[in-house]
Amino acid sequence: MKSLFSLTRFSPAASVTLLCLLSSLFVLSARAANPLFVVTELSPPAQTLVDGRVSGTVTQRVRDLLRRAGLEGQFHVFPWARAYELALVRPNTLIYAMARTPARESQFKWIAPVGRYSLGFMKLTRHTSLKLENAQQAKIYLTAVQRKDVAVEVLSDLGFREDDNLLLTADIQQSWELLLKGKVDFVIDDPAAIQDLLDKHNLSPEQVTFELMLPQLEQLTYLAASLETDDALVEKLRAAHLPL
């Protein structure tokens, strides 16, 4: 029995063209069957877990972006350092919400902004002796920051050092737990995005104080892709992006 696509009917050049076409179709089918691997961290209210599903305000923007691009994504929450390392090496992997810094520029394919933040030093209000007029004054205290977070880069540039005045944590929730236990003096967070954490720890807004803004940590956050992510998928996502 002859195959429907028997190559004996075609010239060598036509056979090569047909094989290339079939190969492209198989690749497209494989992409459709294998959703993008999407990683993030817990950072309420932008990225949350609700009944085991990755949710939150920024997560919804990313889900909407994938939907408009006609792509599927499998969403996973990790400590930020783990999410970051996965996005560095894993093919067809997306990561959010990430600050776009010169050190990171060549490490990822940048797709579009999906959020924004304004970060600075936060403390428990009852610690009235902790006063900051500038970031340098915080060096005599201990501040919790998540591993691989952009705040680590900024504070390191300002002369802060791990095991001296920086304590690196797995995620923002661990940083807050250390603050509440009196293990650190400050955490780096966004005052406009802490309500979920206040609720979780039965705190009122009056019990925490935003002590000092860091201008270097007022910026957009991005959806980015690993360097091994297919360019065609990246372009689809860029084309489907809507301004914030």
Protein backbone atom coordinates (compact mmCIF):
# COMPACT_ATOMS: atom_id res chain seq x y z
CA MET A 1 0.00 0.00 0.00
CA LYS A 2 1.34 3.43 -0.96
CA SER A 3 1.59 6.15 1.66
CA LEU A 4 -0.67 9.15 1.17
CA PHE A 5 2.45 11.33 1.31
CA SER A 6 4.68 9.00 -0.71
CA LEU A 7 7.80 10.98 -1.60
CA THR A 8 8.32 8.95 -4.80
CA ARG A 9 5.88 11.32 -6.54
CA PHE A 10 8.03 14.38 -5.84
CA SER A 11 11.36 15.66 -7.08
CA PRO A 12 14.22 15.66 -4.52
CA ALA A 13 13.81 19.41 -3.97
CA ALA A 14 10.06 19.08 -3.47
CA SER A 15 10.61 16.17 -1.10
CA VAL A 16 12.91 18.28 1.07
CA THR A 17 10.34 21.09 1.11
CA LEU A 18 7.59 18.71 2.14
CA LEU A 19 9.72 17.20 4.90
CA CYS A 20 10.47 20.69 6.24
CA LEU A 21 6.76 21.53 6.23
CA LEU A 22 5.84 18.33 8.05
CA SER A 23 8.63 18.94 10.57
CA SER A 24 7.28 22.44 11.27
CA LEU A 25 3.81 21.05 11.82
CA PHE A 26 5.14 18.48 14.27
CA VAL A 27 7.01 21.22 16.19
CA LEU A 28 3.86 23.36 16.37
CA SER A 29 1.88 20.37 17.63
CA ALA A 30 4.52 19.67 20.26
CA ARG A 31 4.37 23.28 21.45
CA ALA A 32 0.60 23.11 21.78
CA ALA A 33 0.88 19.86 23.75
CA ASN A 34 3.60 21.22 26.06
CA PRO A 35 2.54 24.43 27.82
CA LEU A 36 5.07 27.04 28.83
CA PHE A 37 6.58 26.53 32.28
CA VAL A 38 5.78 29.70 34.26
CA VAL A 39 7.53 30.42 37.57
CA THR A 40 7.08 33.06 40.24
CA GLU A 41 7.32 33.57 44.01
CA LEU A 42 4.72 34.15 46.70
CA SER A 43 4.32 37.91 47.01
CA PRO A 44 0.79 38.90 48.02
CA PRO A 45 -1.31 40.40 46.59
CA ALA A 46 0.53 40.19 43.26
CA GLN A 47 1.30 36.48 43.45
CA THR A 48 -0.66 34.25 45.81
CA LEU A 49 -1.76 30.65 46.23
CA VAL A 50 -5.50 30.02 46.53
CA ASP A 51 -6.56 26.38 46.97
CA GLY A 52 -3.33 25.28 45.32
CA ARG A 53 -3.77 27.54 42.29
CA VAL A 54 -1.33 30.36 41.57
CA SER A 55 -3.37 33.56 41.72
CA GLY A 56 -2.99 37.25 42.49
CA THR A 57 -3.29 40.55 40.65
CA VAL A 58 -0.10 40.24 38.60
CA THR A 59 -0.64 36.53 38.00
CA GLN A 60 -3.99 37.36 36.43
CA ARG A 61 -2.30 39.82 34.06
CA VAL A 62 0.13 37.11 33.00
CA ARG A 63 -2.66 34.57 32.52
CA ASP A 64 -4.59 37.10 30.41
CA LEU A 65 -1.49 37.79 28.33
CA LEU A 66 -0.98 34.10 27.58
CA ARG A 67 -4.66 33.74 26.70
CA ARG A 68 -4.49 36.64 24.22
CA ALA A 69 -1.38 35.09 22.69
CA GLY A 70 -3.14 31.74 22.31
CA LEU A 71 -0.63 29.98 24.58
CA GLU A 72 -0.96 27.69 27.57
CA GLY A 73 1.08 28.00 30.76
CA GLN A 74 1.71 25.77 33.76
CA PHE A 75 2.16 28.07 36.76
CA HIS A 76 4.45 27.18 39.66
CA VAL A 77 5.46 28.98 42.88
CA PHE A 78 9.00 28.63 44.22
CA PRO A 79 11.26 30.60 46.52
CA TRP A 80 12.52 33.45 44.34
CA ALA A 81 16.10 32.14 44.11
CA ARG A 82 14.82 28.77 42.84
CA ALA A 83 12.44 30.39 40.34
CA TYR A 84 15.29 32.60 39.11
CA GLU A 85 17.69 29.69 38.63
CA LEU A 86 15.06 27.68 36.74
CA ALA A 87 14.38 30.59 34.40
CA LEU A 88 18.08 30.93 33.68
CA VAL A 89 18.48 27.40 32.32
CA ARG A 90 15.13 25.79 31.51
CA PRO A 91 13.84 25.97 27.90
CA ASN A 92 10.43 27.59 27.27
CA THR A 93 10.22 29.02 30.76
CA LEU A 94 8.68 32.33 31.81
CA ILE A 95 9.33 34.21 35.05
CA TYR A 96 7.54 37.14 36.72
CA ALA A 97 7.41 39.69 38.29
CA MET A 98 11.06 40.65 37.82
CA ALA A 99 12.91 43.94 37.95
CA ARG A 100 14.83 44.69 34.77
CA THR A 101 18.38 45.56 35.80
CA PRO A 102 21.62 45.93 33.81
CA ALA A 103 22.99 42.77 35.43
CA ARG A 104 19.95 40.76 34.27
CA GLU A 105 19.51 42.33 30.84
CA SER A 106 21.45 39.72 28.84
CA GLN A 107 20.30 36.76 30.94
CA PHE A 108 16.67 36.73 29.77
CA LYS A 109 14.38 37.59 26.87
CA TRP A 110 12.27 40.48 28.16
CA ILE A 111 8.61 40.41 27.16
CA ALA A 112 6.65 43.22 28.83
CA PRO A 113 5.91 45.02 32.12
CA VAL A 114 3.28 43.29 34.24
CA GLY A 115 3.46 45.26 37.49
CA ARG A 116 5.16 48.03 39.43
CA TYR A 117 6.40 48.53 42.94
CA SER A 118 7.89 51.08 45.35
CA LEU A 119 10.06 49.41 47.95
CA GLY A 120 11.79 50.58 51.08
CA PHE A 121 12.57 49.84 54.70
CA MET A 122 9.63 48.76 56.87
CA LYS A 123 9.68 48.24 60.64
CA LEU A 124 7.34 47.50 63.51
CA THR A 125 5.92 50.81 64.73
CA ARG A 126 6.66 50.00 68.36
CA HIS A 127 10.40 50.18 67.64
CA THR A 128 10.46 53.95 67.89
CA SER A 129 14.24 54.09 68.25
CA LEU A 130 14.75 52.81 64.70
CA LYS A 131 14.99 56.02 62.70
CA LEU A 132 16.38 56.36 59.17
CA GLU A 133 17.09 59.52 57.22
CA ASN A 134 19.09 57.67 54.56
CA ALA A 135 19.95 54.11 53.60
CA GLN A 136 23.46 54.30 55.01
CA GLN A 137 22.04 54.64 58.51
CA ALA A 138 20.42 51.21 58.12
CA LYS A 139 23.83 49.56 58.03
CA ILE A 140 23.97 49.41 61.81
CA TYR A 141 20.77 47.35 61.81
CA LEU A 142 19.75 44.01 60.30
CA THR A 143 17.45 43.91 57.26
CA ALA A 144 15.78 40.82 55.78
CA VAL A 145 15.74 40.50 51.98
CA GLN A 146 14.81 37.58 49.73
CA ARG A 147 17.65 35.76 47.94
CA LYS A 148 18.19 36.90 44.33
CA ASP A 149 15.77 39.79 44.88
CA VAL A 150 16.66 43.04 43.15
CA ALA A 151 16.85 44.64 46.60
CA VAL A 152 19.93 42.50 47.30
CA GLU A 153 21.65 44.03 44.25
CA VAL A 154 20.70 47.57 45.26
CA LEU A 155 21.70 47.20 48.90
CA SER A 156 24.94 45.45 47.94
CA ASP A 157 25.79 48.41 45.71
CA LEU A 158 25.21 50.63 48.75
CA GLY A 159 27.69 48.61 50.79
CA PHE A 160 25.37 46.22 52.66
CA ARG A 161 26.71 42.71 53.20
CA GLU A 162 25.22 39.30 54.04
CA ASP A 163 25.96 38.10 57.59
CA ASP A 164 26.65 41.69 58.58
CA ASN A 165 23.58 43.85 58.00
CA LEU A 166 21.66 41.69 55.50
CA LEU A 167 19.83 38.45 56.25
CA LEU A 168 18.81 36.57 53.11
CA THR A 169 15.52 34.65 53.21
CA ALA A 170 13.54 32.32 50.95
CA ASP A 171 10.55 34.61 50.47
CA ILE A 172 8.79 37.73 51.73
CA GLN A 173 6.70 35.76 54.22
CA GLN A 174 9.82 34.43 55.91
CA SER A 175 11.23 37.98 56.03
CA TRP A 176 8.08 39.19 57.80
CA GLU A 177 8.12 36.29 60.23
CA LEU A 178 11.67 37.24 61.23
CA LEU A 179 10.58 40.86 61.68
CA LEU A 180 7.69 39.87 63.95
CA LYS A 181 9.95 37.60 66.02
CA GLY A 182 12.44 40.41 66.52
CA LYS A 183 15.17 38.61 64.58
CA VAL A 184 15.61 41.52 62.14
CA ASP A 185 15.00 45.26 62.39
CA PHE A 186 13.68 45.94 58.88
CA VAL A 187 12.21 44.22 55.85
CA ILE A 188 12.19 45.59 52.32
CA ASP A 189 8.61 45.78 51.04
CA ASP A 190 6.00 47.88 49.27
CA PRO A 191 3.58 49.60 51.69
CA ALA A 192 0.84 49.46 49.06
CA ALA A 193 1.09 45.67 48.83
CA ILE A 194 1.24 44.41 52.42
CA GLN A 195 -2.42 44.02 53.36
CA ASP A 196 -2.43 40.24 52.82
CA LEU A 197 0.59 39.88 55.08
CA LEU A 198 -1.00 42.10 57.71
CA ASP A 199 -4.13 39.97 57.60
CA LYS A 200 -2.15 36.75 57.86
CA HIS A 201 -0.33 37.94 60.97
CA ASN A 202 -3.34 39.70 62.55
CA LEU A 203 -1.69 43.10 62.31
CA SER A 204 -3.27 46.49 61.76
CA PRO A 205 -1.68 49.03 59.39
CA GLU A 206 -0.80 51.17 62.41
CA GLN A 207 1.49 48.43 63.72
CA VAL A 208 3.98 48.78 60.87
CA THR A 209 5.76 51.88 59.61
CA PHE A 210 7.28 52.59 56.22
CA GLU A 211 10.51 54.18 57.38
CA LEU A 212 12.43 55.06 54.20
CA MET A 213 11.88 54.77 50.45
CA LEU A 214 14.70 53.51 48.22
CA PRO A 215 14.42 55.42 44.91
CA GLN A 216 16.35 52.64 43.12
CA LEU A 217 13.54 50.26 44.06
CA GLU A 218 10.70 52.21 42.48
CA GLN A 219 10.20 50.64 39.07
CA LEU A 220 8.26 48.33 36.78
CA THR A 221 8.38 44.56 37.01
CA TYR A 222 8.47 42.33 33.95
CA LEU A 223 7.49 39.03 32.47
CA ALA A 224 10.64 37.52 31.00
CA ALA A 225 11.64 34.29 29.30
CA SER A 226 14.67 32.03 29.52
CA LEU A 227 17.22 32.42 26.73
CA GLU A 228 16.27 28.92 25.57
CA THR A 229 12.64 29.94 25.01
CA ASP A 230 11.52 29.83 21.38
CA ASP A 231 11.69 33.28 19.76
CA ALA A 232 8.33 32.76 18.05
CA LEU A 233 6.63 32.26 21.42
CA VAL A 234 8.32 35.35 22.85
CA GLU A 235 7.14 37.45 19.89
CA LYS A 236 3.58 36.16 20.29
CA LEU A 237 3.59 37.28 23.90
CA ARG A 238 5.07 40.68 23.11
CA ALA A 239 2.44 41.25 20.43
CA ALA A 240 -0.37 40.34 22.87
CA HIS A 241 0.77 42.71 25.62
CA LEU A 242 -1.50 45.57 26.69
CA PRO A 243 -0.15 48.67 28.49
CA LEU A 244 -0.51 48.69 32.28
